[in-house]
PDB file of N, CA and C in Angstrom:
ATOM      1  N   MET A   1       1.023 -38.815 -10.388  1.00  0.00           N
ATOM      2  CA  MET A   1       1.412 -37.326  -9.685  1.00  0.00           C
ATOM      3  C   MET A   1       0.503 -37.782  -8.245  1.00  0.00           C
ATOM      4  N   SER A   2       1.835 -37.582  -7.268  1.00  0.00           N
ATOM      5  CA  SER A   2       0.944 -37.383  -5.709  1.00  0.00           C
ATOM      6  C   SER A   2       0.547 -35.894  -5.213  1.00  0.00           C
ATOM      7  N   GLY A   3       0.770 -35.368  -6.340  1.00  0.00           N
ATOM      8  CA  GLY A   3       0.035 -33.298  -5.636  1.00  0.00           C
ATOM      9  C   GLY A   3       0.321 -32.728  -6.700  1.00  0.00           C
ATOM     10  N   TRP A   4      -0.238 -31.092  -6.205  1.00  0.00           N
ATOM     11  CA  TRP A   4       0.241 -30.248  -7.690  1.00  0.00           C
ATOM     12  C   TRP A   4       0.369 -29.202  -6.732  1.00  0.00           C
ATOM     13  N   LEU A   5       1.442 -28.768  -7.445  1.00  0.00           N
ATOM     14  CA  LEU A   5       2.706 -27.035  -7.081  1.00  0.00           C
ATOM     15  C   LEU A   5       1.569 -26.256  -7.909  1.00  0.00           C
ATOM     16  N   ALA A   6       0.828 -25.871  -7.335  1.00  0.00           N
ATOM     17  CA  ALA A   6      -0.236 -24.774  -8.187  1.00  0.00           C
ATOM     18  C   ALA A   6       1.393 -23.932  -8.201  1.00  0.00           C
ATOM     19  N   TYR A   7       0.949 -22.170  -9.181  1.00  0.00           N
ATOM     20  CA  TYR A   7       1.214 -21.395  -9.238  1.00  0.00           C
ATOM     21  C   TYR A   7       0.768 -20.110  -8.439  1.00  0.00           C
ATOM     22  N   PRO A   8       1.421 -19.720  -7.821  1.00  0.00           N
ATOM     23  CA  PRO A   8       0.889 -18.916  -7.024  1.00  0.00           C
ATOM     24  C   PRO A   8       0.162 -17.902  -7.158  1.00  0.00           C
ATOM     25  N   GLY A   9      -0.982 -17.508  -6.070  1.00  0.00           N
ATOM     26  CA  GLY A   9      -2.037 -16.345  -6.246  1.00  0.00           C
ATOM     27  C   GLY A   9      -3.052 -16.055  -5.144  1.00  0.00           C
ATOM     28  N   THR A  10      -4.092 -15.827  -5.485  1.00  0.00           N
ATOM     29  CA  THR A  10      -5.031 -14.954  -4.208  1.00  0.00           C
ATOM     30  C   THR A  10      -5.574 -16.415  -3.463  1.00  0.00           C
ATOM     31  N   PRO A  11      -5.904 -16.423  -2.390  1.00  0.00           N
ATOM     32  CA  PRO A  11      -7.382 -17.274  -1.873  1.00  0.00           C
ATOM     33  C   PRO A  11      -8.257 -17.897  -2.988  1.00  0.00           C
ATOM     34  N   GLU A  12      -8.436 -16.404  -3.592  1.00  0.00           N
ATOM     35  CA  GLU A  12      -9.720 -16.701  -4.220  1.00  0.00           C
ATOM     36  C   GLU A  12      -9.541 -17.350  -5.601  1.00  0.00           C
ATOM     37  N   GLU A  13      -8.424 -16.720  -5.970  1.00  0.00           N
ATOM     38  CA  GLU A  13      -8.076 -17.661  -7.756  1.00  0.00           C
ATOM     39  C   GLU A  13      -7.817 -19.603  -7.050  1.00  0.00           C
ATOM     40  N   HIS A  14      -7.014 -19.866  -6.112  1.00  0.00           N
ATOM     41  CA  HIS A  14      -7.286 -20.802  -5.155  1.00  0.00           C
ATOM     42  C   HIS A  14      -8.313 -22.167  -5.316  1.00  0.00           C
ATOM     43  N   VAL A  15      -9.606 -21.162  -4.821  1.00  0.00           N
ATOM     44  CA  VAL A  15     -10.909 -21.950  -4.905  1.00  0.00           C
ATOM     45  C   VAL A  15     -11.242 -22.677  -6.179  1.00  0.00           C
ATOM     46  N   HIS A  16     -10.703 -22.126  -7.072  1.00  0.00           N
ATOM     47  CA  HIS A  16     -11.073 -22.833  -8.270  1.00  0.00           C
ATOM     48  C   HIS A  16     -10.727 -23.891  -8.913  1.00  0.00           C
ATOM     49  N   ARG A  17      -9.323 -23.610  -8.433  1.00  0.00           N
ATOM     50  CA  ARG A  17      -7.706 -24.267  -9.324  1.00  0.00           C
ATOM     51  C   ARG A  17      -8.494 -25.446  -8.069  1.00  0.00           C
ATOM     52  N   ALA A  18      -8.183 -25.669  -6.985  1.00  0.00           N
ATOM     53  CA  ALA A  18      -8.486 -26.657  -5.869  1.00  0.00           C
ATOM     54  C   ALA A  18      -9.473 -27.708  -6.402  1.00  0.00           C
ATOM     55  N   ASN A  19     -10.885 -26.676  -6.277  1.00  0.00           N
ATOM     56  CA  ASN A  19     -11.705 -27.994  -7.279  1.00  0.00           C
ATOM     57  C   ASN A  19     -11.619 -28.913  -7.894  1.00  0.00           C
ATOM     58  N   LEU A  20     -10.583 -28.188  -8.948  1.00  0.00           N
ATOM     59  CA  LEU A  20     -10.389 -29.190 -10.258  1.00  0.00           C
ATOM     60  C   LEU A  20      -9.388 -30.013  -9.691  1.00  0.00           C
ATOM     61  N   TRP A  21      -8.568 -29.618  -8.622  1.00  0.00           N
ATOM     62  CA  TRP A  21      -7.774 -30.757  -8.803  1.00  0.00           C
ATOM     63  C   TRP A  21      -8.643 -31.917  -7.962  1.00  0.00           C
ATOM     64  N   ARG A  22      -9.711 -31.915  -6.955  1.00  0.00           N
ATOM     65  CA  ARG A  22      -9.942 -32.345  -6.013  1.00  0.00           C
ATOM     66  C   ARG A  22     -11.049 -33.068  -7.136  1.00  0.00           C
ATOM     67  N   ASN A  23     -11.728 -32.744  -8.241  1.00  0.00           N
ATOM     68  CA  ASN A  23     -12.127 -33.165  -8.958  1.00  0.00           C
ATOM     69  C   ASN A  23     -11.185 -34.226  -9.873  1.00  0.00           C
ATOM     70  N   VAL A  24     -10.325 -34.492  -9.836  1.00  0.00           N
ATOM     71  CA  VAL A  24      -9.432 -35.219 -10.163  1.00  0.00           C
ATOM     72  C   VAL A  24      -8.608 -36.006  -9.596  1.00  0.00           C
ATOM     73  N   ALA A  25      -8.318 -35.916  -8.452  1.00  0.00           N
ATOM     74  CA  ALA A  25      -7.147 -36.191  -7.631  1.00  0.00           C
ATOM     75  C   ALA A  25      -8.076 -36.519  -6.187  1.00  0.00           C
ATOM     76  N   GLY A  26      -8.641 -36.256  -6.019  1.00  0.00           N
ATOM     77  CA  GLY A  26      -8.954 -37.140  -4.468  1.00  0.00           C
ATOM     78  C   GLY A  26      -8.730 -35.959  -3.775  1.00  0.00           C
ATOM     79  N   ASP A  27      -8.019 -36.330  -2.600  1.00  0.00           N
ATOM     80  CA  ASP A  27      -7.249 -35.820  -1.240  1.00  0.00           C
ATOM     81  C   ASP A  27      -5.817 -35.576  -1.607  1.00  0.00           C
ATOM     82  N   LYS A  28      -5.339 -35.421  -2.894  1.00  0.00           N
ATOM     83  CA  LYS A  28      -3.924 -36.010  -2.770  1.00  0.00           C
ATOM     84  C   LYS A  28      -3.991 -34.008  -2.729  1.00  0.00           C
ATOM     85  N   PRO A  29      -2.105 -34.133  -2.163  1.00  0.00           N
ATOM     86  CA  PRO A  29      -2.265 -32.599  -1.848  1.00  0.00           C
ATOM     87  C   PRO A  29      -2.241 -31.750  -2.827  1.00  0.00           C
ATOM     88  N   TYR A  30      -2.808 -30.574  -2.522  1.00  0.00           N
ATOM     89  CA  TYR A  30      -2.635 -29.074  -3.177  1.00  0.00           C
ATOM     90  C   TYR A  30      -1.628 -28.408  -2.384  1.00  0.00           C
ATOM     91  N   VAL A  31      -0.774 -27.778  -2.881  1.00  0.00           N
ATOM     92  CA  VAL A  31       0.593 -27.290  -2.780  1.00  0.00           C
ATOM     93  C   VAL A  31       0.518 -25.552  -3.453  1.00  0.00           C
ATOM     94  N   SER A  32       1.013 -24.429  -3.043  1.00  0.00           N
ATOM     95  CA  SER A  32       1.065 -23.205  -3.399  1.00  0.00           C
ATOM     96  C   SER A  32       2.255 -22.779  -2.442  1.00  0.00           C
ATOM     97  N   PHE A  33       2.750 -21.646  -3.096  1.00  0.00           N
ATOM     98  CA  PHE A  33       3.471 -20.664  -2.354  1.00  0.00           C
ATOM     99  C   PHE A  33       2.814 -19.758  -2.432  1.00  0.00           C
ATOM    100  N   ILE A  34       3.709 -18.353  -1.153  1.00  0.00           N
ATOM    101  CA  ILE A  34       3.311 -16.689  -1.264  1.00  0.00           C
ATOM    102  C   ILE A  34       4.800 -16.349  -1.185  1.00  0.00           C
ATOM    103  N   HIS A  35       5.000 -14.783  -2.332  1.00  0.00           N
ATOM    104  CA  HIS A  35       6.213 -14.941  -1.953  1.00  0.00           C
ATOM    105  C   HIS A  35       5.918 -13.315  -1.228  1.00  0.00           C
ATOM    106  N   LEU A  36       6.307 -13.692   0.522  1.00  0.00           N
ATOM    107  CA  LEU A  36       5.933 -13.148   1.559  1.00  0.00           C
ATOM    108  C   LEU A  36       7.481 -11.301   1.610  1.00  0.00           C
ATOM    109  N   ASP A  37       7.087 -10.485   1.591  1.00  0.00           N
ATOM    110  CA  ASP A  37       7.462  -9.199   2.442  1.00  0.00           C
ATOM    111  C   ASP A  37       6.799  -9.363   3.731  1.00  0.00           C
ATOM    112  N   TYR A  38       7.635  -9.752   4.745  1.00  0.00           N
ATOM    113  CA  TYR A  38       7.120  -9.730   6.285  1.00  0.00           C
ATOM    114  C   TYR A  38       7.635  -8.628   7.257  1.00  0.00           C
ATOM    115  N   LEU A  39       6.753  -8.287   7.336  1.00  0.00           N
ATOM    116  CA  LEU A  39       7.104  -6.458   8.473  1.00  0.00           C
ATOM    117  C   LEU A  39       6.875  -6.944   9.473  1.00  0.00           C
ATOM    118  N   ASN A  40       7.494  -6.454  10.281  1.00  0.00           N
ATOM    119  CA  ASN A  40       7.695  -6.210  12.157  1.00  0.00           C
ATOM    120  C   ASN A  40       6.736  -5.884  12.213  1.00  0.00           C
ATOM    121  N   ASP A  41       5.673  -5.222  11.608  1.00  0.00           N
ATOM    122  CA  ASP A  41       3.977  -4.801  12.619  1.00  0.00           C
ATOM    123  C   ASP A  41       3.405  -5.625  12.375  1.00  0.00           C
ATOM    124  N   PRO A  42       3.087  -6.072  13.332  1.00  0.00           N
ATOM    125  CA  PRO A  42       1.808  -7.111  13.611  1.00  0.00           C
ATOM    126  C   PRO A  42       0.988  -6.594  12.914  1.00  0.00           C
ATOM    127  N   LYS A  43       0.309  -5.567  12.705  1.00  0.00           N
ATOM    128  CA  LYS A  43      -0.826  -4.992  12.349  1.00  0.00           C
ATOM    129  C   LYS A  43      -0.726  -4.654  11.109  1.00  0.00           C
ATOM    130  N   ALA A  44       0.450  -4.875  10.270  1.00  0.00           N
ATOM    131  CA  ALA A  44      -0.255  -3.930   8.791  1.00  0.00           C
ATOM    132  C   ALA A  44      -0.725  -5.051   7.977  1.00  0.00           C
ATOM    133  N   PRO A  45      -1.237  -3.998   7.891  1.00  0.00           N
ATOM    134  CA  PRO A  45      -1.955  -4.540   6.295  1.00  0.00           C
ATOM    135  C   PRO A  45      -1.842  -5.384   5.190  1.00  0.00           C
ATOM    136  N   ARG A  46      -2.449  -6.316   4.573  1.00  0.00           N
ATOM    137  CA  ARG A  46      -1.708  -7.324   3.611  1.00  0.00           C
ATOM    138  C   ARG A  46      -2.013  -6.366   2.105  1.00  0.00           C
ATOM    139  N   ARG A  47      -1.145  -5.879   1.757  1.00  0.00           N
ATOM    140  CA  ARG A  47      -0.762  -5.201  -0.198  1.00  0.00           C
ATOM    141  C   ARG A  47       0.052  -6.632  -0.725  1.00  0.00           C
ATOM    142  N   ARG A  48      -1.201  -6.419  -1.823  1.00  0.00           N
ATOM    143  CA  ARG A  48      -0.830  -7.630  -2.692  1.00  0.00           C
ATOM    144  C   ARG A  48       0.440  -7.273  -3.527  1.00  0.00           C
ATOM    145  N   HIS A  49       1.211  -8.005  -4.077  1.00  0.00           N
ATOM    146  CA  HIS A  49       2.197  -7.722  -5.436  1.00  0.00           C
ATOM    147  C   HIS A  49       1.593  -8.904  -6.396  1.00  0.00           C
ATOM    148  N   ARG A  50       3.050  -9.133  -7.240  1.00  0.00           N
ATOM    149  CA  ARG A  50       2.952  -9.822  -8.026  1.00  0.00           C
ATOM    150  C   ARG A  50       3.186 -11.247  -7.708  1.00  0.00           C
ATOM    151  N   PHE A  51       2.568 -12.201  -7.323  1.00  0.00           N
ATOM    152  CA  PHE A  51       2.990 -13.740  -6.422  1.00  0.00           C
ATOM    153  C   PHE A  51       2.317 -13.487  -5.250  1.00  0.00           C
ATOM    154  N   GLY A  52       2.395 -12.692  -4.242  1.00  0.00           N
ATOM    155  CA  GLY A  52       2.566 -12.612  -3.127  1.00  0.00           C
ATOM    156  C   GLY A  52       1.652 -11.710  -2.394  1.00  0.00           C
ATOM    157  N   LEU A  53       2.564 -11.080  -0.874  1.00  0.00           N
ATOM    158  CA  LEU A  53       2.134 -10.239  -0.522  1.00  0.00           C
ATOM    159  C   LEU A  53       2.989  -9.417   0.535  1.00  0.00           C
ATOM    160  N   GLN A  54       2.670  -8.120   0.992  1.00  0.00           N
ATOM    161  CA  GLN A  54       3.200  -7.754   2.333  1.00  0.00           C
ATOM    162  C   GLN A  54       2.547  -7.459   3.295  1.00  0.00           C
ATOM    163  N   THR A  55       2.640  -7.668   4.338  1.00  0.00           N
ATOM    164  CA  THR A  55       2.174  -8.173   5.372  1.00  0.00           C
ATOM    165  C   THR A  55       2.917  -8.493   6.951  1.00  0.00           C
ATOM    166  N   GLY A  56       1.721  -7.805   7.916  1.00  0.00           N
ATOM    167  CA  GLY A  56       2.906  -8.708   8.764  1.00  0.00           C
ATOM    168  C   GLY A  56       1.955  -9.750   9.866  1.00  0.00           C
ATOM    169  N   ARG A  57       2.066  -9.986  11.433  1.00  0.00           N
ATOM    170  CA  ARG A  57       1.626 -10.938  12.194  1.00  0.00           C
ATOM    171  C   ARG A  57       0.011 -11.308  11.280  1.00  0.00           C
ATOM    172  N   ASP A  58      -0.671 -10.171  11.559  1.00  0.00           N
ATOM    173  CA  ASP A  58      -2.458 -10.802  11.736  1.00  0.00           C
ATOM    174  C   ASP A  58      -2.298 -10.786  10.133  1.00  0.00           C
ATOM    175  N   GLY A  59      -1.928 -10.458   9.005  1.00  0.00           N
ATOM    176  CA  GLY A  59      -2.361 -10.431   7.687  1.00  0.00           C
ATOM    177  C   GLY A  59      -1.921 -11.572   7.539  1.00  0.00           C
ATOM    178  N   LEU A  60      -0.886 -12.509   7.740  1.00  0.00           N
ATOM    179  CA  LEU A  60      -0.374 -13.249   7.367  1.00  0.00           C
ATOM    180  C   LEU A  60      -1.261 -15.047   7.939  1.00  0.00           C
ATOM    181  N   ILE A  61      -1.700 -14.518   8.752  1.00  0.00           N
ATOM    182  CA  ILE A  61      -2.491 -15.055   9.627  1.00  0.00           C
ATOM    183  C   ILE A  61      -3.608 -15.148   8.854  1.00  0.00           C
ATOM    184  N   ARG A  62      -4.079 -14.104   8.624  1.00  0.00           N
ATOM    185  CA  ARG A  62      -5.457 -14.525   7.903  1.00  0.00           C
ATOM    186  C   ARG A  62      -5.487 -14.783   6.129  1.00  0.00           C
ATOM    187  N   GLU A  63      -4.335 -14.906   5.873  1.00  0.00           N
ATOM    188  CA  GLU A  63      -4.260 -15.055   4.211  1.00  0.00           C
ATOM    189  C   GLU A  63      -4.114 -16.642   4.871  1.00  0.00           C
ATOM    190  N   LEU A  64      -3.029 -17.165   5.719  1.00  0.00           N
ATOM    191  CA  LEU A  64      -3.210 -18.289   5.582  1.00  0.00           C
ATOM    192  C   LEU A  64      -4.155 -19.262   5.620  1.00  0.00           C
ATOM    193  N   GLU A  65      -5.105 -18.700   6.811  1.00  0.00           N
ATOM    194  CA  GLU A  65      -6.476 -19.255   7.205  1.00  0.00           C
ATOM    195  C   GLU A  65      -7.334 -19.158   5.724  1.00  0.00           C
ATOM    196  N   GLU A  66      -7.273 -18.651   5.049  1.00  0.00           N
ATOM    197  CA  GLU A  66      -8.520 -18.115   3.983  1.00  0.00           C
ATOM    198  C   GLU A  66      -7.144 -19.261   2.837  1.00  0.00           C
ATOM    199  N   MET A  67      -6.262 -19.153   2.655  1.00  0.00           N
ATOM    200  CA  MET A  67      -5.813 -20.587   1.723  1.00  0.00           C
ATOM    201  C   MET A  67      -6.363 -21.808   2.482  1.00  0.00           C
ATOM    202  N   GLN A  68      -5.788 -22.239   3.527  1.00  0.00           N
ATOM    203  CA  GLN A  68      -7.030 -23.104   3.736  1.00  0.00           C
ATOM    204  C   GLN A  68      -7.812 -23.460   4.149  1.00  0.00           C
ATOM    205  N   SER A  69      -8.707 -22.258   3.713  1.00  0.00           N
ATOM    206  CA  SER A  69     -10.259 -23.083   3.311  1.00  0.00           C
ATOM    207  C   SER A  69     -10.547 -22.657   2.116  1.00  0.00           C
ATOM    208  N   ALA A  70      -9.385 -21.972   0.852  1.00  0.00           N
ATOM    209  CA  ALA A  70      -9.557 -22.408  -0.160  1.00  0.00           C
ATOM    210  C   ALA A  70      -9.384 -24.042  -0.645  1.00  0.00           C
ATOM    211  N   GLY A  71      -8.726 -24.450   0.644  1.00  0.00           N
ATOM    212  CA  GLY A  71      -8.501 -26.240   0.009  1.00  0.00           C
ATOM    213  C   GLY A  71      -6.788 -26.056  -0.246  1.00  0.00           C
ATOM    214  N   VAL A  72      -6.318 -25.056  -0.099  1.00  0.00           N
ATOM    215  CA  VAL A  72      -4.323 -25.533   0.023  1.00  0.00           C
ATOM    216  C   VAL A  72      -4.788 -26.008   1.270  1.00  0.00           C
ATOM    217  N   ASN A  73      -3.250 -27.136   0.848  1.00  0.00           N
ATOM    218  CA  ASN A  73      -2.739 -28.365   1.991  1.00  0.00           C
ATOM    219  C   ASN A  73      -1.617 -27.561   2.608  1.00  0.00           C
ATOM    220  N   HIS A  74      -0.607 -26.851   2.079  1.00  0.00           N
ATOM    221  CA  HIS A  74       0.655 -27.143   1.875  1.00  0.00           C
ATOM    222  C   HIS A  74       0.482 -25.305   1.740  1.00  0.00           C
ATOM    223  N   ILE A  75       1.468 -24.666   2.376  1.00  0.00           N
ATOM    224  CA  ILE A  75       1.871 -23.385   1.296  1.00  0.00           C
ATOM    225  C   ILE A  75       3.292 -23.144   1.864  1.00  0.00           C
ATOM    226  N   GLY A  76       4.741 -22.640   0.427  1.00  0.00           N
ATOM    227  CA  GLY A  76       5.870 -22.478   0.895  1.00  0.00           C
ATOM    228  C   GLY A  76       5.911 -20.724   1.500  1.00  0.00           C
ATOM    229  N   LEU A  77       6.381 -20.589   1.645  1.00  0.00           N
ATOM    230  CA  LEU A  77       6.931 -18.673   2.273  1.00  0.00           C
ATOM    231  C   LEU A  77       8.492 -18.801   1.371  1.00  0.00           C
ATOM    232  N   HIS A  78       7.817 -18.270   0.636  1.00  0.00           N
ATOM    233  CA  HIS A  78       9.752 -17.298  -0.560  1.00  0.00           C
ATOM    234  C   HIS A  78       9.672 -16.124   0.150  1.00  0.00           C
ATOM    235  N   PHE A  79      11.192 -15.813   0.156  1.00  0.00           N
ATOM    236  CA  PHE A  79      11.231 -14.860   0.874  1.00  0.00           C
ATOM    237  C   PHE A  79      11.939 -14.084  -0.025  1.00  0.00           C
ATOM    238  N   ARG A  80      11.734 -13.665  -0.960  1.00  0.00           N
ATOM    239  CA  ARG A  80      12.950 -13.544  -2.175  1.00  0.00           C
ATOM    240  C   ARG A  80      12.771 -12.330  -2.192  1.00  0.00           C
ATOM    241  N   ARG A  81      11.252 -11.611  -1.828  1.00  0.00           N
ATOM    242  CA  ARG A  81      10.901  -9.564  -1.686  1.00  0.00           C
ATOM    243  C   ARG A  81      11.214  -9.464  -0.052  1.00  0.00           C
ATOM    244  N   ASN A  82      11.824 -10.429   0.432  1.00  0.00           N
ATOM    245  CA  ASN A  82      11.625  -9.752   2.053  1.00  0.00           C
ATOM    246  C   ASN A  82      12.716  -8.870   2.301  1.00  0.00           C
ATOM    247  N   GLN A  83      12.364  -7.488   3.144  1.00  0.00           N
ATOM    248  CA  GLN A  83      13.514  -6.467   2.871  1.00  0.00           C
ATOM    249  C   GLN A  83      13.853  -6.360   4.380  1.00  0.00           C
ATOM    250  N   ALA A  84      13.038  -7.353   5.167  1.00  0.00           N
ATOM    251  CA  ALA A  84      14.062  -7.424   6.486  1.00  0.00           C
ATOM    252  C   ALA A  84      14.769  -8.847   6.682  1.00  0.00           C
ATOM    253  N   PRO A  85      15.904  -8.485   7.499  1.00  0.00           N
ATOM    254  CA  PRO A  85      16.982  -9.773   7.586  1.00  0.00           C
ATOM    255  C   PRO A  85      15.928 -11.425   7.252  1.00  0.00           C
ATOM    256  N   VAL A  86      16.026 -12.180   6.276  1.00  0.00           N
ATOM    257  CA  VAL A  86      15.604 -13.312   6.364  1.00  0.00           C
ATOM    258  C   VAL A  86      15.206 -14.204   7.651  1.00  0.00           C
ATOM    259  N   ASP A  87      16.888 -14.052   8.325  1.00  0.00           N
ATOM    260  CA  ASP A  87      16.580 -14.395   9.748  1.00  0.00           C
ATOM    261  C   ASP A  87      15.122 -14.313  10.734  1.00  0.00           C
ATOM    262  N   GLU A  88      15.880 -12.742  10.809  1.00  0.00           N
ATOM    263  CA  GLU A  88      14.850 -12.174  11.556  1.00  0.00           C
ATOM    264  C   GLU A  88      13.314 -12.744  11.467  1.00  0.00           C
ATOM    265  N   SER A  89      12.841 -12.480   9.637  1.00  0.00           N
ATOM    266  CA  SER A  89      11.714 -12.772   9.290  1.00  0.00           C
ATOM    267  C   SER A  89      11.151 -14.257   9.861  1.00  0.00           C
ATOM    268  N   LEU A  90      11.961 -15.307   9.656  1.00  0.00           N
ATOM    269  CA  LEU A  90      11.940 -16.285   9.576  1.00  0.00           C
ATOM    270  C   LEU A  90      11.216 -16.702  10.981  1.00  0.00           C
ATOM    271  N   ARG A  91      12.165 -16.474  12.244  1.00  0.00           N
ATOM    272  CA  ARG A  91      12.191 -16.212  13.472  1.00  0.00           C
ATOM    273  C   ARG A  91      10.730 -15.751  13.812  1.00  0.00           C
ATOM    274  N   LEU A  92      10.060 -14.777  13.487  1.00  0.00           N
ATOM    275  CA  LEU A  92       8.779 -14.109  13.910  1.00  0.00           C
ATOM    276  C   LEU A  92       7.908 -14.584  13.469  1.00  0.00           C
ATOM    277  N   VAL A  93       7.782 -16.007  12.384  1.00  0.00           N
ATOM    278  CA  VAL A  93       7.016 -16.427  11.674  1.00  0.00           C
ATOM    279  C   VAL A  93       6.971 -17.667  12.490  1.00  0.00           C
ATOM    280  N   ALA A  94       8.051 -18.216  12.073  1.00  0.00           N
ATOM    281  CA  ALA A  94       7.952 -19.320  13.900  1.00  0.00           C
ATOM    282  C   ALA A  94       7.656 -19.083  15.200  1.00  0.00           C
ATOM    283  N   GLN A  95       7.669 -18.162  15.404  1.00  0.00           N
ATOM    284  CA  GLN A  95       7.206 -17.465  16.854  1.00  0.00           C
ATOM    285  C   GLN A  95       6.044 -17.530  16.941  1.00  0.00           C
ATOM    286  N   ASP A  96       5.335 -16.550  15.637  1.00  0.00           N
ATOM    287  CA  ASP A  96       4.255 -15.625  15.783  1.00  0.00           C
ATOM    288  C   ASP A  96       2.702 -16.162  15.358  1.00  0.00           C
ATOM    289  N   VAL A  97       3.379 -17.343  13.968  1.00  0.00           N
ATOM    290  CA  VAL A  97       2.479 -17.651  12.819  1.00  0.00           C
ATOM    291  C   VAL A  97       1.844 -19.316  13.263  1.00  0.00           C
ATOM    292  N   LEU A  98       3.201 -19.929  13.193  1.00  0.00           N
ATOM    293  CA  LEU A  98       2.948 -21.177  12.846  1.00  0.00           C
ATOM    294  C   LEU A  98       2.079 -21.980  14.399  1.00  0.00           C
ATOM    295  N   GLY A  99       2.187 -21.254  15.336  1.00  0.00           N
ATOM    296  CA  GLY A  99       1.659 -22.022  16.146  1.00  0.00           C
ATOM    297  C   GLY A  99       0.298 -22.163  16.027  1.00  0.00           C
ATOM    298  N   VAL A 100      -0.633 -20.629  15.582  1.00  0.00           N
ATOM    299  CA  VAL A 100      -1.882 -20.446  15.207  1.00  0.00           C
ATOM    300  C   VAL A 100      -2.563 -22.465  14.678  1.00  0.00           C
ATOM    301  N   PHE A 101      -1.790 -22.455  13.407  1.00  0.00           N
ATOM    302  CA  PHE A 101      -1.508 -24.035  12.601  1.00  0.00           C
ATOM    303  C   PHE A 101      -1.037 -24.969  13.410  1.00  0.00           C
ATOM    304  N   HIS A 102      -0.211 -25.239  13.943  1.00  0.00           N
ATOM    305  CA  HIS A 102       0.503 -26.483  14.591  1.00  0.00           C
ATOM    306  C   HIS A 102       0.500 -26.355  16.034  1.00  0.00           C
ATOM    307  N   GLU A 103       0.017 -27.888  16.424  1.00  0.00           N
ATOM    308  CA  GLU A 103      -0.063 -27.925  17.848  1.00  0.00           C
ATOM    309  C   GLU A 103       1.074 -28.231  18.092  1.00  0.00           C
ATOM    310  N   THR A 104       1.415 -27.888  19.497  1.00  0.00           N
ATOM    311  CA  THR A 104       3.398 -27.580  20.093  1.00  0.00           C
ATOM    312  C   THR A 104       3.002 -28.706  21.680  1.00  0.00           C
ATOM    313  N   ASN A 105       3.667 -29.707  21.177  1.00  0.00           N
ATOM    314  CA  ASN A 105       3.337 -30.240  22.540  1.00  0.00           C
ATOM    315  C   ASN A 105       5.104 -30.423  23.203  1.00  0.00           C
TER     316      ASN A 105
END
């Protein structure tokens, strides 16, 4: 097995799961998803729902930082619950969030 695609959960839930994975698989990737309802308000608080959350830029950045600290290597963003047009949300996430985690040259 090349990695673990884990069931969605909170950062706290992933701490335990990622540690279990590391004990048997070492540095192989641990991956999960967030069912995201991305709001245009950057300061919108995180509101949890089943398998994910509703939030804006700042809340998503905090969530991803917490996931990273929990041991999650990769996160897929699932926009099934998104209320705004998906293309606009994707543009905003790319513009305002991804750069925090990836250097651009």
